[in-house]
Amino acid sequence: MEQPYVDPGLDLEAEILRLKKERNAILLAHYYQESEVQDLADVIGDSLQLAQAAKKTDADVIAFCGVHFMAETAKILNPNKIVVLPDLDAGCSLADGCPIDRFRAWQARYPDSVTISYINCSAEVKAASDLICTSSNAEKIVRSVPADKRILFAPDRNLGRYLVQKTGREMVIWQGVCVVHETFSEKKLLALRERYPNAALIAHPECEAPLLAIAEFVGSTSALLRYAVESPKQEFIVATESGILHQMQKQAPHKTFLAAPPESNCACNECPYMRLNTLEKLYVCLRDLSPRLEMPEELRAAAEKPIERMLALSR
């Protein structure tokens, strides 16, 4: 998406706050957004928290600072509201790696199964699923399925394997990965732990199995934040997208938080899709109420059913 022209003399934060009020808009932001975007948000959270906030808002406009599938979920839950995303190119490697035609062919090989799809997927995949989950509620969702039913789990293989280990339920798992969470280097992590021997390694379940095996705590983004703030430990190595460190530092300023190092010397522990959303693009999308999330009503209604089941099980 082409970078919009914005007058460099504008006070973007003031303009965004003005437009939010003028449009009766709510700004939802994921923990992986840039810190300046997080600081303007009305609600900041992980996928489950943001879906719950989208479900109950009475705003006329939802400005979603996250990635495409998150804004899509907000639109599925709010067919009569305007939902805008600062950059429509803010996608997701998990969603991109699970196209609906291949997904349906995969399902067809395992008839009479229950399909649980991680929320990091397209509206089409959601519509073809029985249940949706997030990393916050995935274990509860898996345990809700009767023991005599075979489970298909898509699209994240690392989360799927972790859930098999946690619940003891065998599942047929789609072989998708998150480009950020599979990039962490176990070798570099061990070297970092030698430099910070008192630091607790905490990790998101989208990480590779060898890393999860050496983590002191494994949990969703919101669970990692809660653990880091409440733990008596003072130093943490955090194996998830590095945007969460902003909230950790705000809520526990006296503690030390270190981003887990990627394999190469790059910023690969930052999601390239999440970082496409900028203050300039957020200002423009509130000003123009564009780009908007739209979808056929038949698809929206079908995708809403498994999301609503998830929300009901998550209360």
Protein backbone atom coordinates (compact mmCIF):
# COMPACT_ATOMS: atom_id res chain seq x y z
CA MET A 1 0.00 0.00 0.00
CA GLU A 2 1.38 3.38 -1.01
CA GLN A 3 2.35 5.69 1.85
CA PRO A 4 -0.20 8.53 1.93
CA TYR A 5 0.97 12.12 1.85
CA VAL A 6 0.51 13.79 5.22
CA ASP A 7 1.45 17.39 5.99
CA PRO A 8 4.64 17.05 8.08
CA GLY A 9 3.53 20.03 10.17
CA LEU A 10 0.47 18.19 11.54
CA ASP A 11 0.35 17.12 15.17
CA LEU A 12 -0.66 13.57 14.30
CA GLU A 13 -1.52 12.49 17.83
CA ALA A 14 -3.80 15.50 18.35
CA GLU A 15 -5.42 14.96 14.94
CA ILE A 16 -6.05 11.28 15.60
CA LEU A 17 -7.66 12.09 18.97
CA ARG A 18 -9.80 14.78 17.30
CA LEU A 19 -10.93 12.43 14.52
CA LYS A 20 -11.70 9.63 16.99
CA LYS A 21 -14.10 11.94 18.80
CA GLU A 22 -15.56 13.40 15.62
CA ARG A 23 -16.18 9.96 14.08
CA ASN A 24 -17.31 8.29 17.33
CA ALA A 25 -14.50 5.84 16.68
CA ILE A 26 -12.76 3.34 18.90
CA LEU A 27 -9.10 2.51 18.34
CA LEU A 28 -8.21 -1.14 18.97
CA ALA A 29 -4.50 -1.99 18.93
CA HIS A 30 -2.59 -5.23 19.29
CA TYR A 31 0.38 -5.51 21.64
CA TYR A 32 2.64 -5.93 18.59
CA GLN A 33 2.00 -2.43 17.23
CA GLU A 34 4.54 0.38 17.39
CA SER A 35 4.64 2.00 20.84
CA GLU A 36 3.22 5.34 19.64
CA VAL A 37 0.18 3.54 18.21
CA GLN A 38 -0.28 1.54 21.42
CA ASP A 39 -0.25 4.72 23.47
CA LEU A 40 -3.21 6.17 21.53
CA ALA A 41 -5.38 3.05 21.73
CA ASP A 42 -8.67 2.86 23.60
CA VAL A 43 -8.16 -0.88 24.01
CA ILE A 44 -4.87 -2.70 23.71
CA GLY A 45 -4.80 -6.46 23.87
CA ASP A 46 -4.24 -9.82 22.26
CA SER A 47 -6.54 -11.38 19.66
CA LEU A 48 -9.13 -12.59 22.18
CA GLN A 49 -9.27 -9.33 24.12
CA LEU A 50 -9.63 -7.33 20.91
CA ALA A 51 -12.37 -9.62 19.55
CA GLN A 52 -14.26 -9.22 22.85
CA ALA A 53 -13.82 -5.43 22.70
CA ALA A 54 -15.03 -5.34 19.09
CA LYS A 55 -18.07 -7.40 20.03
CA LYS A 56 -19.26 -5.05 22.77
CA THR A 57 -18.34 -1.60 21.44
CA ASP A 58 -21.05 0.98 20.71
CA ALA A 59 -18.73 3.09 18.54
CA ASP A 60 -19.76 3.85 14.95
CA VAL A 61 -16.24 3.27 13.62
CA ILE A 62 -13.66 0.67 14.59
CA ALA A 63 -10.10 1.61 13.67
CA PHE A 64 -8.13 -1.60 14.00
CA CYS A 65 -4.37 -1.36 14.41
CA GLY A 66 -3.37 -4.95 13.95
CA VAL A 67 -3.35 -7.23 10.93
CA HIS A 68 -5.96 -8.06 8.33
CA PHE A 69 -7.52 -11.13 9.97
CA MET A 70 -8.06 -9.16 13.21
CA ALA A 71 -9.87 -6.31 11.47
CA GLU A 72 -11.81 -8.92 9.48
CA THR A 73 -12.92 -10.52 12.75
CA ALA A 74 -14.13 -7.13 14.00
CA LYS A 75 -16.17 -6.70 10.81
CA ILE A 76 -17.62 -10.21 11.11
CA LEU A 77 -18.86 -9.29 14.60
CA ASN A 78 -20.04 -5.81 13.55
CA PRO A 79 -21.70 -5.94 10.13
CA ASN A 80 -23.29 -2.51 10.54
CA LYS A 81 -20.19 -0.66 11.71
CA ILE A 82 -17.42 0.86 9.65
CA VAL A 83 -14.18 -1.06 10.24
CA VAL A 84 -10.96 0.46 8.92
CA LEU A 85 -7.40 -0.86 8.86
CA PRO A 86 -4.56 1.64 8.34
CA ASP A 87 -2.83 -0.65 5.81
CA LEU A 88 -4.67 -3.45 3.98
CA ASP A 89 -1.33 -5.10 3.24
CA ALA A 90 -0.91 -5.87 6.96
CA GLY A 91 -1.35 -9.61 6.52
CA CYS A 92 -0.21 -12.74 8.38
CA SER A 93 2.05 -15.61 7.31
CA LEU A 94 -0.23 -18.12 9.06
CA ALA A 95 -3.34 -16.88 7.23
CA ASP A 96 -1.47 -16.66 3.91
CA GLY A 97 -0.19 -20.22 4.31
CA CYS A 98 -3.69 -21.68 4.70
CA PRO A 99 -5.66 -20.94 1.50
CA ILE A 100 -9.29 -22.03 1.55
CA ASP A 101 -9.05 -24.47 -1.38
CA ARG A 102 -6.20 -26.44 0.21
CA PHE A 103 -7.90 -26.19 3.62
CA ARG A 104 -11.14 -27.72 2.32
CA ALA A 105 -9.22 -30.50 0.54
CA TRP A 106 -7.40 -31.24 3.81
CA GLN A 107 -10.70 -31.37 5.73
CA ALA A 108 -12.18 -33.73 3.13
CA ARG A 109 -9.49 -36.32 3.93
CA TYR A 110 -10.78 -36.54 7.52
CA PRO A 111 -14.59 -36.72 7.43
CA ASP A 112 -16.62 -36.53 10.63
CA SER A 113 -13.94 -34.47 12.39
CA VAL A 114 -14.19 -31.27 14.43
CA THR A 115 -12.14 -28.44 12.93
CA ILE A 116 -10.59 -25.91 15.31
CA SER A 117 -8.92 -22.99 13.56
CA TYR A 118 -6.59 -20.53 15.23
CA ILE A 119 -7.93 -17.01 14.79
CA ASN A 120 -4.89 -16.23 12.59
CA CYS A 121 -6.75 -17.29 9.44
CA SER A 122 -8.98 -15.84 6.74
CA ALA A 123 -12.74 -15.30 6.99
CA GLU A 124 -13.17 -18.13 4.46
CA VAL A 125 -11.27 -20.58 6.69
CA LYS A 126 -13.22 -19.39 9.74
CA ALA A 127 -16.48 -20.01 7.88
CA ALA A 128 -15.36 -23.60 7.11
CA SER A 129 -14.41 -24.28 10.76
CA ASP A 130 -16.44 -25.57 13.69
CA LEU A 131 -14.60 -23.56 16.34
CA ILE A 132 -12.13 -20.68 16.46
CA CYS A 133 -9.51 -20.27 19.18
CA THR A 134 -6.83 -17.83 20.24
CA SER A 135 -3.66 -18.65 22.15
CA SER A 136 -5.45 -17.38 25.28
CA ASN A 137 -8.29 -19.88 25.14
CA ALA A 138 -6.97 -22.66 22.87
CA GLU A 139 -6.60 -25.22 25.65
CA LYS A 140 -10.17 -24.61 26.84
CA ILE A 141 -11.51 -24.85 23.28
CA VAL A 142 -9.70 -28.16 22.64
CA ARG A 143 -10.98 -29.61 25.93
CA SER A 144 -14.55 -28.65 24.97
CA VAL A 145 -14.56 -31.16 22.09
CA PRO A 146 -16.00 -34.60 23.00
CA ALA A 147 -13.29 -37.23 23.52
CA ASP A 148 -14.67 -39.49 20.77
CA LYS A 149 -14.28 -36.79 18.11
CA ARG A 150 -11.16 -36.42 15.97
CA ILE A 151 -9.82 -32.84 15.95
CA LEU A 152 -8.30 -31.06 12.97
CA PHE A 153 -6.22 -28.07 14.07
CA ALA A 154 -5.07 -25.29 11.75
CA PRO A 155 -3.01 -23.40 10.81
CA ASP A 156 -0.20 -23.16 13.42
CA ARG A 157 1.75 -26.39 13.92
CA ASN A 158 3.70 -25.15 16.95
CA LEU A 159 0.57 -24.14 18.85
CA GLY A 160 -1.04 -27.42 17.77
CA ARG A 161 1.85 -29.51 19.10
CA TYR A 162 1.86 -27.54 22.34
CA LEU A 163 -1.87 -28.22 22.77
CA VAL A 164 -1.39 -31.94 22.17
CA GLN A 165 1.22 -31.93 24.93
CA LYS A 166 -0.99 -29.88 27.30
CA THR A 167 -4.29 -31.70 26.76
CA GLY A 168 -3.24 -35.20 25.73
CA ARG A 169 -5.61 -34.98 22.76
CA GLU A 170 -4.24 -36.30 19.49
CA MET A 171 -4.95 -33.89 16.64
CA VAL A 172 -4.32 -33.74 12.92
CA ILE A 173 -2.31 -30.54 12.53
CA TRP A 174 -1.94 -28.19 9.56
CA GLN A 175 1.75 -27.44 8.98
CA GLY A 176 1.77 -23.63 9.15
CA VAL A 177 4.13 -21.35 11.06
CA CYS A 178 4.43 -17.72 12.15
CA VAL A 179 7.46 -16.10 10.49
CA VAL A 180 8.27 -14.19 13.70
CA HIS A 181 7.91 -16.96 16.25
CA GLU A 182 9.92 -19.54 14.32
CA THR A 183 12.87 -17.16 13.91
CA PHE A 184 14.20 -17.24 17.47
CA SER A 185 17.63 -18.83 17.84
CA GLU A 186 17.99 -21.41 20.63
CA LYS A 187 21.78 -21.01 20.47
CA LYS A 188 21.60 -17.22 20.88
CA LEU A 189 19.01 -17.59 23.64
CA LEU A 190 21.29 -19.84 25.64
CA ALA A 191 24.13 -17.34 25.19
CA LEU A 192 21.85 -14.53 26.38
CA ARG A 193 20.86 -16.58 29.44
CA GLU A 194 24.54 -16.96 30.31
CA ARG A 195 24.84 -13.16 30.36
CA TYR A 196 21.60 -12.84 32.37
CA PRO A 197 21.55 -15.99 34.56
CA ASN A 198 18.70 -14.71 36.72
CA ALA A 199 16.42 -13.90 33.78
CA ALA A 200 13.27 -15.98 33.25
CA LEU A 201 12.69 -17.11 29.67
CA ILE A 202 9.00 -16.69 28.80
CA ALA A 203 7.62 -17.72 25.41
CA HIS A 204 4.55 -17.69 23.20
CA PRO A 205 3.26 -21.16 22.17
CA GLU A 206 3.75 -20.25 18.48
CA CYS A 207 7.50 -20.73 19.10
CA GLU A 208 9.32 -23.90 18.06
CA ALA A 209 9.15 -26.90 20.43
CA PRO A 210 12.85 -26.86 21.53
CA LEU A 211 12.46 -23.27 22.70
CA LEU A 212 9.21 -24.02 24.55
CA ALA A 213 10.97 -26.91 26.29
CA ILE A 214 13.47 -24.55 27.94
CA ALA A 215 10.99 -21.76 28.76
CA GLU A 216 10.04 -21.09 32.37
CA PHE A 217 6.57 -19.96 31.31
CA VAL A 218 4.57 -20.44 28.09
CA GLY A 219 1.47 -18.38 27.41
CA SER A 220 -0.48 -16.05 25.16
CA THR A 221 0.65 -12.47 24.69
CA SER A 222 -1.61 -11.23 27.49
CA ALA A 223 -0.54 -14.12 29.74
CA LEU A 224 3.13 -13.28 29.15
CA LEU A 225 2.46 -9.66 30.11
CA ARG A 226 0.59 -10.67 33.27
CA TYR A 227 3.28 -13.17 34.29
CA ALA A 228 6.11 -10.68 33.74
CA VAL A 229 4.39 -7.98 35.78
CA GLU A 230 3.30 -10.24 38.66
CA SER A 231 6.38 -12.47 38.95
CA PRO A 232 8.87 -11.65 41.71
CA LYS A 233 11.66 -12.04 39.15
CA GLN A 234 13.30 -8.85 37.94
CA GLU A 235 14.72 -9.91 34.55
CA PHE A 236 12.98 -11.56 31.61
CA ILE A 237 13.89 -12.81 28.16
CA VAL A 238 10.72 -12.54 26.09
CA ALA A 239 10.25 -14.89 23.12
CA THR A 240 7.45 -13.27 21.16
CA GLU A 241 7.06 -10.20 18.95
CA SER A 242 9.05 -7.43 20.59
CA GLY A 243 6.19 -4.90 20.61
CA ILE A 244 4.94 -6.41 23.88
CA LEU A 245 8.03 -5.12 25.68
CA HIS A 246 6.56 -1.60 25.56
CA GLN A 247 3.61 -2.60 27.76
CA MET A 248 5.81 -4.72 30.03
CA GLN A 249 8.12 -1.77 30.63
CA LYS A 250 5.18 0.58 31.25
CA GLN A 251 3.58 -1.74 33.79
CA ALA A 252 6.81 -2.80 35.51
CA PRO A 253 9.31 0.03 34.93
CA HIS A 254 11.71 -1.29 37.57
CA LYS A 255 12.20 -4.62 35.75
CA THR A 256 14.46 -5.56 32.81
CA PHE A 257 12.92 -7.00 29.64
CA LEU A 258 15.04 -8.42 26.84
CA ALA A 259 13.73 -9.38 23.41
CA ALA A 260 14.66 -12.92 22.44
CA PRO A 261 17.25 -12.78 19.64
CA PRO A 262 16.43 -13.96 16.09
CA GLU A 263 18.66 -16.36 14.15
CA SER A 264 20.10 -13.69 11.85
CA ASN A 265 21.25 -10.16 12.57
CA CYS A 266 17.94 -8.59 11.62
CA ALA A 267 14.80 -7.18 13.21
CA CYS A 268 13.06 -10.51 12.57
CA ASN A 269 11.54 -10.49 16.07
CA GLU A 270 9.35 -7.63 14.80
CA CYS A 271 6.33 -8.64 12.72
CA PRO A 272 6.77 -6.93 9.33
CA TYR A 273 3.00 -6.90 8.82
CA MET A 274 2.13 -5.38 12.20
CA ARG A 275 4.69 -2.62 11.65
CA LEU A 276 3.02 -1.51 8.39
CA ASN A 277 0.52 0.46 10.49
CA THR A 278 1.91 3.93 11.25
CA LEU A 279 0.54 7.09 12.84
CA GLU A 280 0.36 8.66 9.38
CA LYS A 281 -1.72 5.80 7.99
CA LEU A 282 -3.92 5.74 11.09
CA TYR A 283 -4.60 9.47 10.69
CA VAL A 284 -5.48 9.03 7.01
CA CYS A 285 -7.80 6.07 7.60
CA LEU A 286 -9.71 8.00 10.27
CA ARG A 287 -9.81 11.10 8.07
CA ASP A 288 -11.01 9.25 4.95
CA LEU A 289 -12.72 6.27 6.64
CA SER A 290 -10.70 4.14 4.27
CA PRO A 291 -9.49 1.46 3.61
CA ARG A 292 -12.56 -0.39 4.87
CA LEU A 293 -13.08 -4.06 5.59
CA GLU A 294 -15.94 -5.45 3.52
CA MET A 295 -17.15 -8.98 2.77
CA PRO A 296 -20.24 -10.72 1.37
CA GLU A 297 -22.96 -11.17 3.99
CA GLU A 298 -23.16 -14.93 3.38
CA LEU A 299 -19.44 -15.30 4.20
CA ARG A 300 -19.67 -12.96 7.20
CA ALA A 301 -22.62 -14.83 8.71
CA ALA A 302 -20.94 -18.21 8.24
CA ALA A 303 -17.68 -16.99 9.81
CA GLU A 304 -19.55 -15.43 12.73
CA LYS A 305 -20.89 -18.77 14.01
CA PRO A 306 -17.58 -20.38 15.11
CA ILE A 307 -16.35 -17.04 16.49
CA GLU A 308 -19.49 -16.70 18.61
CA ARG A 309 -18.99 -20.26 19.87
CA MET A 310 -15.46 -19.30 20.89
CA LEU A 311 -16.63 -16.14 22.68
CA ALA A 312 -19.31 -18.09 24.54
CA LEU A 313 -16.77 -20.69 25.70
CA SER A 314 -14.37 -17.91 26.75
CA ARG A 315 -16.70 -16.10 29.16
